């Protein structure tokens, strides 16, 4: 336990040290010639158009939240899928399969509800 904590502290210290060293090197050796072009916002090589305070449709945020939900679902299902053979060998595979299936069904019902309410339709 102590060795793992020591290794973790050492790695964290090295990461922080490297980050600070690189920031200091950039500050010391980097070019310092700011001008109007360098200070302007970069939009894929084009001059900025309009304001940065443009509002997005609420549907954009709803789709983003749905994406995050299903992304997290994959994060939860991946370890289950990797360990499924071990679950079968221990005799609990079918129970674990039913729990995972219930998890997917609940998310599927939520997605169907969202589709039915028009949450994925842009106008």
PDB file of N, CA and C in Angstrom:
ATOM      1  N   UNK A   1       0.829  -1.200   0.000  1.00  0.00           N
ATOM      2  CA  UNK A   1       0.000   0.000   0.000  1.00  0.00           C
ATOM      3  C   UNK A   1       0.864   1.250   0.000  1.00  0.00           C
ATOM      4  N   UNK A   2       1.899   1.258   0.832  1.00  0.00           N
ATOM      5  CA  UNK A   2       2.759   2.428   0.937  1.00  0.00           C
ATOM      6  C   UNK A   2       3.528   2.658  -0.355  1.00  0.00           C
ATOM      7  N   UNK A   3       3.963   1.539  -1.006  1.00  0.00           N
ATOM      8  CA  UNK A   3       4.705   1.678  -2.261  1.00  0.00           C
ATOM      9  C   UNK A   3       3.822   2.255  -3.355  1.00  0.00           C
ATOM     10  N   UNK A   4       2.556   1.825  -3.401  1.00  0.00           N
ATOM     11  CA  UNK A   4       1.634   2.346  -4.407  1.00  0.00           C
ATOM     12  C   UNK A   4       1.372   3.830  -4.170  1.00  0.00           C
ATOM     13  N   UNK A   5       1.219   4.223  -2.919  1.00  0.00           N
ATOM     14  CA  UNK A   5       1.000   5.641  -2.607  1.00  0.00           C
ATOM     15  C   UNK A   5       2.227   6.461  -2.960  1.00  0.00           C
ATOM     16  N   UNK A   6       3.399   5.925  -2.656  1.00  0.00           N
ATOM     17  CA  UNK A   6       4.635   6.625  -2.981  1.00  0.00           C
ATOM     18  C   UNK A   6       4.781   6.781  -4.494  1.00  0.00           C
ATOM     19  N   UNK A   7       4.479   5.718  -5.243  1.00  0.00           N
ATOM     20  CA  UNK A   7       4.569   5.780  -6.708  1.00  0.00           C
ATOM     21  C   UNK A   7       3.579   6.796  -7.262  1.00  0.00           C
ATOM     22  N   UNK A   8       2.370   6.825  -6.718  1.00  0.00           N
ATOM     23  CA  UNK A   8       1.367   7.774  -7.175  1.00  0.00           C
ATOM     24  C   UNK A   8       1.788   9.211  -6.888  1.00  0.00           C
ATOM     25  N   UNK A   9       2.310   9.457  -5.706  1.00  0.00           N
ATOM     26  CA  UNK A   9       2.777  10.796  -5.341  1.00  0.00           C
ATOM     27  C   UNK A   9       3.951  11.210  -6.217  1.00  0.00           C
ATOM     28  N   UNK A  10       4.866  10.263  -6.480  1.00  0.00           N
ATOM     29  CA  UNK A  10       6.007  10.550  -7.338  1.00  0.00           C
ATOM     30  C   UNK A  10       5.560  10.883  -8.758  1.00  0.00           C
ATOM     31  N   UNK A  11       4.607  10.109  -9.304  1.00  0.00           N
ATOM     32  CA  UNK A  11       4.121  10.361 -10.652  1.00  0.00           C
ATOM     33  C   UNK A  11       3.389  11.706 -10.725  1.00  0.00           C
ATOM     34  N   UNK A  12       2.587  12.006  -9.722  1.00  0.00           N
ATOM     35  CA  UNK A  12       1.887  13.290  -9.686  1.00  0.00           C
ATOM     36  C   UNK A  12       2.881  14.440  -9.607  1.00  0.00           C
ATOM     37  N   UNK A  13       3.920  14.290  -8.790  1.00  0.00           N
ATOM     38  CA  UNK A  13       4.953  15.322  -8.677  1.00  0.00           C
ATOM     39  C   UNK A  13       5.697  15.524  -9.985  1.00  0.00           C
ATOM     40  N   UNK A  14       6.022  14.411 -10.673  1.00  0.00           N
ATOM     41  CA  UNK A  14       6.691  14.524 -11.971  1.00  0.00           C
ATOM     42  C   UNK A  14       5.799  15.198 -13.004  1.00  0.00           C
ATOM     43  N   UNK A  15       4.509  14.876 -13.025  1.00  0.00           N
ATOM     44  CA  UNK A  15       3.590  15.485 -13.980  1.00  0.00           C
ATOM     45  C   UNK A  15       3.464  16.981 -13.734  1.00  0.00           C
ATOM     46  N   UNK A  16       3.319  17.379 -12.492  1.00  0.00           N
ATOM     47  CA  UNK A  16       3.211  18.804 -12.161  1.00  0.00           C
ATOM     48  C   UNK A  16       4.523  19.511 -12.484  1.00  0.00           C
ATOM     49  N   UNK A  17       5.652  18.872 -12.149  1.00  0.00           N
ATOM     50  CA  UNK A  17       6.956  19.459 -12.450  1.00  0.00           C
ATOM     51  C   UNK A  17       7.175  19.648 -13.934  1.00  0.00           C
ATOM     52  N   UNK A  18       6.812  18.643 -14.736  1.00  0.00           N
ATOM     53  CA  UNK A  18       6.962  18.755 -16.187  1.00  0.00           C
ATOM     54  C   UNK A  18       6.075  19.870 -16.738  1.00  0.00           C
ATOM     55  N   UNK A  19       4.836  19.947 -16.267  1.00  0.00           N
ATOM     56  CA  UNK A  19       3.926  20.992 -16.746  1.00  0.00           C
ATOM     57  C   UNK A  19       4.471  22.379 -16.412  1.00  0.00           C
ATOM     58  N   UNK A  20       4.947  22.565 -15.210  1.00  0.00           N
ATOM     59  CA  UNK A  20       5.486  23.869 -14.822  1.00  0.00           C
ATOM     60  C   UNK A  20       6.762  24.201 -15.584  1.00  0.00           C
ATOM     61  N   UNK A  21       7.609  23.188 -15.824  1.00  0.00           N
ATOM     62  CA  UNK A  21       8.835  23.403 -16.595  1.00  0.00           C
ATOM     63  C   UNK A  21       8.515  23.823 -18.016  1.00  0.00           C
ATOM     64  N   UNK A  22       7.563  23.159 -18.649  1.00  0.00           N
ATOM     65  CA  UNK A  22       7.195  23.518 -20.015  1.00  0.00           C
ATOM     66  C   UNK A  22       6.571  24.911 -20.090  1.00  0.00           C
ATOM     67  N   UNK A  23       5.759  25.270 -19.123  1.00  0.00           N
ATOM     68  CA  UNK A  23       5.184  26.618 -19.102  1.00  0.00           C
ATOM     69  C   UNK A  23       6.266  27.676 -18.915  1.00  0.00           C
ATOM     70  N   UNK A  24       7.228  27.405 -18.036  1.00  0.00           N
ATOM     71  CA  UNK A  24       8.323  28.353 -17.823  1.00  0.00           C
ATOM     72  C   UNK A  24       9.196  28.468 -19.066  1.00  0.00           C
ATOM     73  N   UNK A  25       9.472  27.347 -19.738  1.00  0.00           N
ATOM     74  CA  UNK A  25      10.290  27.376 -20.954  1.00  0.00           C
ATOM     75  C   UNK A  25       9.585  28.174 -22.049  1.00  0.00           C
ATOM     76  N   UNK A  26       8.291  28.001 -22.171  1.00  0.00           N
ATOM     77  CA  UNK A  26       7.550  28.758 -23.177  1.00  0.00           C
ATOM     78  C   UNK A  26       7.608  30.250 -22.862  1.00  0.00           C
ATOM     79  N   UNK A  27       7.486  30.582 -21.609  1.00  0.00           N
ATOM     80  CA  UNK A  27       7.511  31.989 -21.200  1.00  0.00           C
ATOM     81  C   UNK A  27       8.892  32.598 -21.454  1.00  0.00           C
ATOM     82  N   UNK A  28       9.977  31.814 -21.212  1.00  0.00           N
ATOM     83  CA  UNK A  28      11.332  32.326 -21.392  1.00  0.00           C
ATOM     84  C   UNK A  28      11.754  32.389 -22.851  1.00  0.00           C
ATOM     85  N   UNK A  29      11.460  31.328 -23.607  1.00  0.00           N
ATOM     86  CA  UNK A  29      12.000  31.206 -24.956  1.00  0.00           C
ATOM     87  C   UNK A  29      10.991  31.504 -26.069  1.00  0.00           C
ATOM     88  N   UNK A  30       9.738  31.624 -25.746  1.00  0.00           N
ATOM     89  CA  UNK A  30       8.720  31.837 -26.763  1.00  0.00           C
ATOM     90  C   UNK A  30       8.733  33.247 -27.319  1.00  0.00           C
ATOM     91  N   UNK A  31       8.248  33.427 -28.548  1.00  0.00           N
ATOM     92  CA  UNK A  31       8.215  34.769 -29.147  1.00  0.00           C
ATOM     93  C   UNK A  31       7.184  35.652 -28.447  1.00  0.00           C
ATOM     94  N   UNK A  32       7.527  36.925 -28.360  1.00  0.00           N
ATOM     95  CA  UNK A  32       6.621  37.884 -27.730  1.00  0.00           C
ATOM     96  C   UNK A  32       6.419  39.071 -28.667  1.00  0.00           C
ATOM     97  N   UNK A  33       5.662  38.857 -29.722  1.00  0.00           N
ATOM     98  CA  UNK A  33       5.372  39.939 -30.656  1.00  0.00           C
ATOM     99  C   UNK A  33       3.871  39.983 -30.933  1.00  0.00           C
ATOM    100  N   UNK A  34       3.066  40.373 -29.937  1.00  0.00           N
ATOM    101  CA  UNK A  34       1.620  40.407 -30.178  1.00  0.00           C
ATOM    102  C   UNK A  34       1.260  41.524 -31.156  1.00  0.00           C
ATOM    103  N   UNK A  35       0.291  41.230 -31.999  1.00  0.00           N
ATOM    104  CA  UNK A  35      -0.249  42.258 -32.875  1.00  0.00           C
ATOM    105  C   UNK A  35      -1.743  42.008 -33.039  1.00  0.00           C
ATOM    106  N   UNK A  36      -2.388  42.850 -33.834  1.00  0.00           N
ATOM    107  CA  UNK A  36      -3.845  42.772 -33.957  1.00  0.00           C
ATOM    108  C   UNK A  36      -4.299  41.435 -34.539  1.00  0.00           C
ATOM    109  N   UNK A  37      -3.576  40.910 -35.512  1.00  0.00           N
ATOM    110  CA  UNK A  37      -3.953  39.653 -36.154  1.00  0.00           C
ATOM    111  C   UNK A  37      -3.813  38.486 -35.183  1.00  0.00           C
ATOM    112  N   UNK A  38      -2.724  38.457 -34.430  1.00  0.00           N
ATOM    113  CA  UNK A  38      -2.503  37.356 -33.489  1.00  0.00           C
ATOM    114  C   UNK A  38      -3.499  37.385 -32.328  1.00  0.00           C
ATOM    115  N   UNK A  39      -3.972  38.563 -31.989  1.00  0.00           N
ATOM    116  CA  UNK A  39      -4.896  38.694 -30.872  1.00  0.00           C
ATOM    117  C   UNK A  39      -6.349  38.445 -31.263  1.00  0.00           C
ATOM    118  N   UNK A  40      -6.634  38.372 -32.574  1.00  0.00           N
ATOM    119  CA  UNK A  40      -8.018  38.174 -33.008  1.00  0.00           C
ATOM    120  C   UNK A  40      -8.417  36.708 -32.878  1.00  0.00           C
ATOM    121  N   UNK A  41      -9.723  36.470 -32.843  1.00  0.00           N
ATOM    122  CA  UNK A  41     -10.244  35.107 -32.731  1.00  0.00           C
ATOM    123  C   UNK A  41      -9.988  34.360 -34.034  1.00  0.00           C
ATOM    124  N   UNK A  42      -9.684  33.071 -33.931  1.00  0.00           N
ATOM    125  CA  UNK A  42      -9.408  32.251 -35.112  1.00  0.00           C
ATOM    126  C   UNK A  42     -10.633  31.416 -35.434  1.00  0.00           C
ATOM    127  N   UNK A  43     -11.135  31.562 -36.645  1.00  0.00           N
ATOM    128  CA  UNK A  43     -12.291  30.786 -37.083  1.00  0.00           C
ATOM    129  C   UNK A  43     -11.963  30.108 -38.402  1.00  0.00           C
ATOM    130  N   UNK A  44     -11.130  29.092 -38.363  1.00  0.00           N
ATOM    131  CA  UNK A  44     -10.771  28.292 -39.529  1.00  0.00           C
ATOM    132  C   UNK A  44     -10.213  29.141 -40.657  1.00  0.00           C
ATOM    133  N   UNK A  45      -9.405  30.115 -40.331  1.00  0.00           N
ATOM    134  CA  UNK A  45      -8.759  30.936 -41.339  1.00  0.00           C
ATOM    135  C   UNK A  45      -9.608  32.054 -41.892  1.00  0.00           C
ATOM    136  N   UNK A  46     -10.819  32.210 -41.411  1.00  0.00           N
ATOM    137  CA  UNK A  46     -11.707  33.260 -41.918  1.00  0.00           C
ATOM    138  C   UNK A  46     -11.817  34.370 -40.880  1.00  0.00           C
ATOM    139  N   UNK A  47     -12.155  35.552 -41.366  1.00  0.00           N
ATOM    140  CA  UNK A  47     -12.392  36.654 -40.436  1.00  0.00           C
ATOM    141  C   UNK A  47     -13.628  36.345 -39.594  1.00  0.00           C
ATOM    142  N   UNK A  48     -13.594  36.634 -38.291  1.00  0.00           N
ATOM    143  CA  UNK A  48     -14.766  36.372 -37.449  1.00  0.00           C
ATOM    144  C   UNK A  48     -15.983  37.148 -37.947  1.00  0.00           C
ATOM    145  N   UNK A  49     -17.122  36.469 -37.938  1.00  0.00           N
ATOM    146  CA  UNK A  49     -18.376  37.096 -38.379  1.00  0.00           C
ATOM    147  C   UNK A  49     -19.367  37.073 -37.224  1.00  0.00           C
ATOM    148  N   UNK A  50     -20.023  38.152 -36.984  1.00  0.00           N
ATOM    149  CA  UNK A  50     -21.062  38.182 -35.959  1.00  0.00           C
ATOM    150  C   UNK A  50     -20.475  38.263 -34.560  1.00  0.00           C
ATOM    151  N   UNK A  51     -21.319  37.984 -33.600  1.00  0.00           N
ATOM    152  CA  UNK A  51     -20.929  38.081 -32.199  1.00  0.00           C
ATOM    153  C   UNK A  51     -20.642  36.697 -31.625  1.00  0.00           C
ATOM    154  N   UNK A  52     -19.843  36.677 -30.598  1.00  0.00           N
ATOM    155  CA  UNK A  52     -19.553  35.420 -29.912  1.00  0.00           C
ATOM    156  C   UNK A  52     -20.683  35.051 -28.954  1.00  0.00           C
ATOM    157  N   UNK A  53     -21.637  35.917 -28.774  1.00  0.00           N
ATOM    158  CA  UNK A  53     -22.750  35.685 -27.853  1.00  0.00           C
ATOM    159  C   UNK A  53     -23.973  35.091 -28.548  1.00  0.00           C
ATOM    160  N   UNK A  54     -23.764  34.419 -29.665  1.00  0.00           N
ATOM    161  CA  UNK A  54     -24.879  33.829 -30.412  1.00  0.00           C
ATOM    162  C   UNK A  54     -25.536  32.721 -29.592  1.00  0.00           C
ATOM    163  N   UNK A  55     -26.851  32.688 -29.618  1.00  0.00           N
ATOM    164  CA  UNK A  55     -27.592  31.672 -28.863  1.00  0.00           C
ATOM    165  C   UNK A  55     -27.776  30.428 -29.714  1.00  0.00           C
ATOM    166  N   UNK A  56     -27.708  29.271 -29.044  1.00  0.00           N
ATOM    167  CA  UNK A  56     -27.957  27.997 -29.708  1.00  0.00           C
ATOM    168  C   UNK A  56     -29.364  27.548 -29.387  1.00  0.00           C
ATOM    169  N   UNK A  57     -29.901  26.727 -30.254  1.00  0.00           N
ATOM    170  CA  UNK A  57     -31.214  26.150 -30.023  1.00  0.00           C
ATOM    171  C   UNK A  57     -31.149  25.214 -28.821  1.00  0.00           C
ATOM    172  N   UNK A  58     -32.228  25.131 -28.066  1.00  0.00           N
ATOM    173  CA  UNK A  58     -32.277  24.232 -26.921  1.00  0.00           C
ATOM    174  C   UNK A  58     -32.146  22.783 -27.368  1.00  0.00           C
ATOM    175  N   UNK A  59     -32.560  22.485 -28.608  1.00  0.00           N
ATOM    176  CA  UNK A  59     -32.421  21.118 -29.117  1.00  0.00           C
ATOM    177  C   UNK A  59     -30.966  20.701 -29.213  1.00  0.00           C
ATOM    178  N   UNK A  60     -30.074  21.634 -29.470  1.00  0.00           N
ATOM    179  CA  UNK A  60     -28.651  21.324 -29.505  1.00  0.00           C
ATOM    180  C   UNK A  60     -28.217  20.750 -28.160  1.00  0.00           C
ATOM    181  N   UNK A  61     -28.627  21.381 -27.084  1.00  0.00           N
ATOM    182  CA  UNK A  61     -28.237  20.920 -25.757  1.00  0.00           C
ATOM    183  C   UNK A  61     -28.922  19.598 -25.408  1.00  0.00           C
ATOM    184  N   UNK A  62     -30.162  19.411 -25.830  1.00  0.00           N
ATOM    185  CA  UNK A  62     -30.849  18.138 -25.572  1.00  0.00           C
ATOM    186  C   UNK A  62     -30.152  16.983 -26.271  1.00  0.00           C
ATOM    187  N   UNK A  63     -29.768  17.187 -27.527  1.00  0.00           N
ATOM    188  CA  UNK A  63     -29.063  16.133 -28.255  1.00  0.00           C
ATOM    189  C   UNK A  63     -27.710  15.866 -27.604  1.00  0.00           C
ATOM    190  N   UNK A  64     -27.036  16.904 -27.150  1.00  0.00           N
ATOM    191  CA  UNK A  64     -25.748  16.723 -26.481  1.00  0.00           C
ATOM    192  C   UNK A  64     -25.913  15.919 -25.197  1.00  0.00           C
ATOM    193  N   UNK A  65     -26.968  16.179 -24.425  1.00  0.00           N
ATOM    194  CA  UNK A  65     -27.194  15.418 -23.197  1.00  0.00           C
ATOM    195  C   UNK A  65     -27.531  13.968 -23.503  1.00  0.00           C
ATOM    196  N   UNK A  66     -28.303  13.731 -24.548  1.00  0.00           N
ATOM    197  CA  UNK A  66     -28.624  12.353 -24.930  1.00  0.00           C
ATOM    198  C   UNK A  66     -27.357  11.630 -25.353  1.00  0.00           C
ATOM    199  N   UNK A  67     -26.499  12.304 -26.102  1.00  0.00           N
ATOM    200  CA  UNK A  67     -25.225  11.703 -26.491  1.00  0.00           C
ATOM    201  C   UNK A  67     -24.407  11.319 -25.267  1.00  0.00           C
ATOM    202  N   UNK A  68     -24.340  12.208 -24.284  1.00  0.00           N
ATOM    203  CA  UNK A  68     -23.565  11.915 -23.076  1.00  0.00           C
ATOM    204  C   UNK A  68     -24.167  10.732 -22.330  1.00  0.00           C
ATOM    205  N   UNK A  69     -25.478  10.658 -22.257  1.00  0.00           N
ATOM    206  CA  UNK A  69     -26.120   9.530 -21.580  1.00  0.00           C
ATOM    207  C   UNK A  69     -25.729   8.217 -22.236  1.00  0.00           C
ATOM    208  N   UNK A  70     -25.790   8.156 -23.563  1.00  0.00           N
ATOM    209  CA  UNK A  70     -25.455   6.903 -24.239  1.00  0.00           C
ATOM    210  C   UNK A  70     -23.957   6.648 -24.243  1.00  0.00           C
ATOM    211  N   UNK A  71     -23.159   7.688 -24.168  1.00  0.00           N
ATOM    212  CA  UNK A  71     -21.724   7.513 -24.035  1.00  0.00           C
ATOM    213  C   UNK A  71     -21.395   6.895 -22.679  1.00  0.00           C
ATOM    214  N   UNK A  72     -22.052   7.364 -21.633  1.00  0.00           N
ATOM    215  CA  UNK A  72     -21.853   6.796 -20.296  1.00  0.00           C
ATOM    216  C   UNK A  72     -22.369   5.363 -20.256  1.00  0.00           C
ATOM    217  N   UNK A  73     -23.436   5.075 -20.995  1.00  0.00           N
ATOM    218  CA  UNK A  73     -23.938   3.701 -21.064  1.00  0.00           C
ATOM    219  C   UNK A  73     -22.861   2.770 -21.597  1.00  0.00           C
ATOM    220  N   UNK A  74     -22.161   3.184 -22.618  1.00  0.00           N
ATOM    221  CA  UNK A  74     -21.085   2.352 -23.175  1.00  0.00           C
ATOM    222  C   UNK A  74     -19.976   2.177 -22.149  1.00  0.00           C
ATOM    223  N   UNK A  75     -19.668   3.219 -21.400  1.00  0.00           N
ATOM    224  CA  UNK A  75     -18.638   3.113 -20.364  1.00  0.00           C
ATOM    225  C   UNK A  75     -19.032   2.083 -19.314  1.00  0.00           C
ATOM    226  N   UNK A  76     -20.319   1.994 -18.984  1.00  0.00           N
ATOM    227  CA  UNK A  76     -20.767   1.006 -18.005  1.00  0.00           C
ATOM    228  C   UNK A  76     -20.853  -0.398 -18.594  1.00  0.00           C
ATOM    229  N   UNK A  77     -21.199  -0.505 -19.863  1.00  0.00           N
ATOM    230  CA  UNK A  77     -21.374  -1.819 -20.468  1.00  0.00           C
ATOM    231  C   UNK A  77     -20.059  -2.465 -20.892  1.00  0.00           C
ATOM    232  N   UNK A  78     -19.037  -1.692 -21.178  1.00  0.00           N
ATOM    233  CA  UNK A  78     -17.777  -2.279 -21.648  1.00  0.00           C
ATOM    234  C   UNK A  78     -17.145  -3.212 -20.612  1.00  0.00           C
ATOM    235  N   UNK A  79     -16.983  -2.808 -19.342  1.00  0.00           N
ATOM    236  CA  UNK A  79     -16.409  -3.742 -18.368  1.00  0.00           C
ATOM    237  C   UNK A  79     -17.283  -4.982 -18.170  1.00  0.00           C
ATOM    238  N   UNK A  80     -18.593  -4.800 -18.257  1.00  0.00           N
ATOM    239  CA  UNK A  80     -19.489  -5.946 -18.137  1.00  0.00           C
ATOM    240  C   UNK A  80     -19.241  -6.925 -19.279  1.00  0.00           C
ATOM    241  N   UNK A  81     -19.111  -6.426 -20.491  1.00  0.00           N
ATOM    242  CA  UNK A  81     -18.900  -7.298 -21.648  1.00  0.00           C
ATOM    243  C   UNK A  81     -17.558  -8.013 -21.567  1.00  0.00           C
ATOM    244  N   UNK A  82     -16.539  -7.319 -21.070  1.00  0.00           N
ATOM    245  CA  UNK A  82     -15.224  -7.936 -20.942  1.00  0.00           C
ATOM    246  C   UNK A  82     -15.242  -9.050 -19.898  1.00  0.00           C
ATOM    247  N   UNK A  83     -15.994  -8.877 -18.830  1.00  0.00           N
ATOM    248  CA  UNK A  83     -16.027  -9.841 -17.729  1.00  0.00           C
ATOM    249  C   UNK A  83     -17.118 -10.890 -17.867  1.00  0.00           C
ATOM    250  N   UNK A  84     -17.892 -10.869 -18.936  1.00  0.00           N
ATOM    251  CA  UNK A  84     -19.054 -11.750 -19.027  1.00  0.00           C
ATOM    252  C   UNK A  84     -18.664 -13.234 -18.995  1.00  0.00           C
ATOM    253  N   UNK A  85     -17.557 -13.618 -19.630  1.00  0.00           N
ATOM    254  CA  UNK A  85     -17.122 -15.020 -19.605  1.00  0.00           C
ATOM    255  C   UNK A  85     -16.837 -15.473 -18.171  1.00  0.00           C
ATOM    256  N   UNK A  86     -16.242 -14.603 -17.375  1.00  0.00           N
ATOM    257  CA  UNK A  86     -15.975 -14.938 -15.971  1.00  0.00           C
ATOM    258  C   UNK A  86     -17.286 -15.088 -15.195  1.00  0.00           C
ATOM    259  N   UNK A  87     -18.253 -14.250 -15.491  1.00  0.00           N
ATOM    260  CA  UNK A  87     -19.552 -14.355 -14.833  1.00  0.00           C
ATOM    261  C   UNK A  87     -20.212 -15.691 -15.171  1.00  0.00           C
ATOM    262  N   UNK A  88     -20.103 -16.113 -16.423  1.00  0.00           N
ATOM    263  CA  UNK A  88     -20.664 -17.404 -16.822  1.00  0.00           C
ATOM    264  C   UNK A  88     -19.969 -18.539 -16.098  1.00  0.00           C
ATOM    265  N   UNK A  89     -18.656 -18.463 -15.954  1.00  0.00           N
ATOM    266  CA  UNK A  89     -17.897 -19.520 -15.276  1.00  0.00           C
ATOM    267  C   UNK A  89     -18.262 -19.605 -13.797  1.00  0.00           C
ATOM    268  N   UNK A  90     -18.618 -18.486 -13.198  1.00  0.00           N
ATOM    269  CA  UNK A  90     -18.991 -18.470 -11.781  1.00  0.00           C
ATOM    270  C   UNK A  90     -20.444 -18.847 -11.563  1.00  0.00           C
ATOM    271  N   UNK A  91     -21.215 -18.974 -12.633  1.00  0.00           N
ATOM    272  CA  UNK A  91     -22.605 -19.367 -12.506  1.00  0.00           C
ATOM    273  C   UNK A  91     -23.579 -18.222 -12.301  1.00  0.00           C
ATOM    274  N   UNK A  92     -23.111 -17.000 -12.420  1.00  0.00           N
ATOM    275  CA  UNK A  92     -24.001 -15.846 -12.241  1.00  0.00           C
ATOM    276  C   UNK A  92     -24.209 -15.099 -13.552  1.00  0.00           C
ATOM    277  N   UNK A  93     -23.806 -15.712 -14.644  1.00  0.00           N
ATOM    278  CA  UNK A  93     -23.852 -15.056 -15.945  1.00  0.00           C
ATOM    279  C   UNK A  93     -25.241 -14.652 -16.374  1.00  0.00           C
ATOM    280  N   UNK A  94     -26.209 -15.521 -16.175  1.00  0.00           N
ATOM    281  CA  UNK A  94     -27.563 -15.199 -16.641  1.00  0.00           C
ATOM    282  C   UNK A  94     -28.187 -14.073 -15.817  1.00  0.00           C
ATOM    283  N   UNK A  95     -27.917 -14.049 -14.536  1.00  0.00           N
ATOM    284  CA  UNK A  95     -28.420 -12.951 -13.702  1.00  0.00           C
ATOM    285  C   UNK A  95     -27.815 -11.618 -14.117  1.00  0.00           C
ATOM    286  N   UNK A  96     -26.510 -11.628 -14.373  1.00  0.00           N
ATOM    287  CA  UNK A  96     -25.831 -10.413 -14.807  1.00  0.00           C
ATOM    288  C   UNK A  96     -26.335  -9.996 -16.189  1.00  0.00           C
ATOM    289  N   UNK A  97     -26.606 -10.967 -17.053  1.00  0.00           N
ATOM    290  CA  UNK A  97     -27.146 -10.667 -18.373  1.00  0.00           C
ATOM    291  C   UNK A  97     -28.518 -10.008 -18.261  1.00  0.00           C
ATOM    292  N   UNK A  98     -29.348 -10.483 -17.354  1.00  0.00           N
ATOM    293  CA  UNK A  98     -30.675  -9.894 -17.170  1.00  0.00           C
ATOM    294  C   UNK A  98     -30.570  -8.452 -16.647  1.00  0.00           C
ATOM    295  N   UNK A  99     -29.637  -8.202 -15.744  1.00  0.00           N
ATOM    296  CA  UNK A  99     -29.457  -6.841 -15.219  1.00  0.00           C
ATOM    297  C   UNK A  99     -28.989  -5.907 -16.330  1.00  0.00           C
ATOM    298  N   UNK A 100     -28.039  -6.359 -17.153  1.00  0.00           N
ATOM    299  CA  UNK A 100     -27.551  -5.537 -18.262  1.00  0.00           C
ATOM    300  C   UNK A 100     -28.668  -5.302 -19.280  1.00  0.00           C
ATOM    301  N   UNK A 101     -29.459  -6.318 -19.531  1.00  0.00           N
ATOM    302  CA  UNK A 101     -30.578  -6.173 -20.461  1.00  0.00           C
ATOM    303  C   UNK A 101     -31.587  -5.167 -19.929  1.00  0.00           C
ATOM    304  N   UNK A 102     -31.894  -5.232 -18.650  1.00  0.00           N
ATOM    305  CA  UNK A 102     -32.806  -4.260 -18.035  1.00  0.00           C
ATOM    306  C   UNK A 102     -32.245  -2.839 -18.154  1.00  0.00           C
ATOM    307  N   UNK A 103     -30.944  -2.696 -17.952  1.00  0.00           N
ATOM    308  CA  UNK A 103     -30.280  -1.399 -18.085  1.00  0.00           C
ATOM    309  C   UNK A 103     -30.457  -0.847 -19.498  1.00  0.00           C
ATOM    310  N   UNK A 104     -30.243  -1.682 -20.504  1.00  0.00           N
ATOM    311  CA  UNK A 104     -30.379  -1.263 -21.898  1.00  0.00           C
ATOM    312  C   UNK A 104     -31.840  -0.952 -22.229  1.00  0.00           C
ATOM    313  N   UNK A 105     -32.761  -1.759 -21.712  1.00  0.00           N
ATOM    314  CA  UNK A 105     -34.184  -1.533 -21.981  1.00  0.00           C
ATOM    315  C   UNK A 105     -34.641  -0.198 -21.392  1.00  0.00           C
ATOM    316  N   UNK A 106     -34.220   0.099 -20.173  1.00  0.00           N
ATOM    317  CA  UNK A 106     -34.610   1.372 -19.545  1.00  0.00           C
ATOM    318  C   UNK A 106     -34.096   2.544 -20.376  1.00  0.00           C
ATOM    319  N   UNK A 107     -32.854   2.470 -20.831  1.00  0.00           N
ATOM    320  CA  UNK A 107     -32.328   3.544 -21.668  1.00  0.00           C
ATOM    321  C   UNK A 107     -33.038   3.591 -23.015  1.00  0.00           C
ATOM    322  N   UNK A 108     -33.383   2.443 -23.572  1.00  0.00           N
ATOM    323  CA  UNK A 108     -34.111   2.399 -24.840  1.00  0.00           C
ATOM    324  C   UNK A 108     -35.494   3.021 -24.717  1.00  0.00           C
ATOM    325  N   UNK A 109     -36.180   2.745 -23.606  1.00  0.00           N
ATOM    326  CA  UNK A 109     -37.502   3.338 -23.383  1.00  0.00           C
ATOM    327  C   UNK A 109     -37.371   4.862 -23.269  1.00  0.00           C
ATOM    328  N   UNK A 110     -36.334   5.311 -22.581  1.00  0.00           N
ATOM    329  CA  UNK A 110     -36.105   6.756 -22.497  1.00  0.00           C
ATOM    330  C   UNK A 110     -35.832   7.373 -23.855  1.00  0.00           C
ATOM    331  N   UNK A 111     -35.062   6.679 -24.696  1.00  0.00           N
ATOM    332  CA  UNK A 111     -34.793   7.184 -26.038  1.00  0.00           C
ATOM    333  C   UNK A 111     -36.064   7.216 -26.882  1.00  0.00           C
ATOM    334  N   UNK A 112     -36.876   6.168 -26.794  1.00  0.00           N
ATOM    335  CA  UNK A 112     -38.141   6.155 -27.538  1.00  0.00           C
ATOM    336  C   UNK A 112     -39.065   7.280 -27.086  1.00  0.00           C
ATOM    337  N   UNK A 113     -39.110   7.531 -25.791  1.00  0.00           N
ATOM    338  CA  UNK A 113     -39.908   8.645 -25.264  1.00  0.00           C
ATOM    339  C   UNK A 113     -39.414   9.966 -25.838  1.00  0.00           C
ATOM    340  N   UNK A 114     -38.083  10.137 -25.862  1.00  0.00           N
ATOM    341  CA  UNK A 114     -37.517  11.373 -26.382  1.00  0.00           C
ATOM    342  C   UNK A 114     -37.813  11.534 -27.870  1.00  0.00           C
ATOM    343  N   UNK A 115     -37.720  10.460 -28.627  1.00  0.00           N
ATOM    344  CA  UNK A 115     -38.038  10.520 -30.053  1.00  0.00           C
ATOM    345  C   UNK A 115     -39.503  10.870 -30.250  1.00  0.00           C
ATOM    346  N   UNK A 116     -40.381  10.250 -29.455  1.00  0.00           N
ATOM    347  CA  UNK A 116     -41.822  10.502 -29.572  1.00  0.00           C
ATOM    348  C   UNK A 116     -42.185  11.949 -29.246  1.00  0.00           C
ATOM    349  N   UNK A 117     -41.458  12.538 -28.292  1.00  0.00           N
ATOM    350  CA  UNK A 117     -41.708  13.932 -27.925  1.00  0.00           C
ATOM    351  C   UNK A 117     -41.050  14.911 -28.883  1.00  0.00           C
ATOM    352  N   UNK A 118     -40.240  14.416 -29.825  1.00  0.00           N
ATOM    353  CA  UNK A 118     -39.596  15.285 -30.810  1.00  0.00           C
ATOM    354  C   UNK A 118     -38.330  15.937 -30.327  1.00  0.00           C
ATOM    355  N   UNK A 119     -37.665  15.338 -29.360  1.00  0.00           N
ATOM    356  CA  UNK A 119     -36.445  15.925 -28.821  1.00  0.00           C
ATOM    357  C   UNK A 119     -35.268  15.869 -29.763  1.00  0.00           C
ATOM    358  N   UNK A 120     -35.315  15.027 -30.783  1.00  0.00           N
ATOM    359  CA  UNK A 120     -34.202  14.917 -31.720  1.00  0.00           C
ATOM    360  C   UNK A 120     -34.477  15.608 -33.045  1.00  0.00           C
ATOM    361  N   UNK A 121     -35.570  16.329 -33.143  1.00  0.00           N
ATOM    362  CA  UNK A 121     -35.919  17.008 -34.389  1.00  0.00           C
ATOM    363  C   UNK A 121     -35.486  18.466 -34.323  1.00  0.00           C
ATOM    364  N   UNK A 122     -34.758  18.887 -35.363  1.00  0.00           N
ATOM    365  CA  UNK A 122     -34.362  20.283 -35.471  1.00  0.00           C
ATOM    366  C   UNK A 122     -35.299  20.989 -36.435  1.00  0.00           C
ATOM    367  N   UNK A 123     -35.544  22.249 -36.154  1.00  0.00           N
ATOM    368  CA  UNK A 123     -36.456  23.012 -37.000  1.00  0.00           C
ATOM    369  C   UNK A 123     -35.701  23.945 -37.907  1.00  0.00           C
TER     370      UNK A 123
END
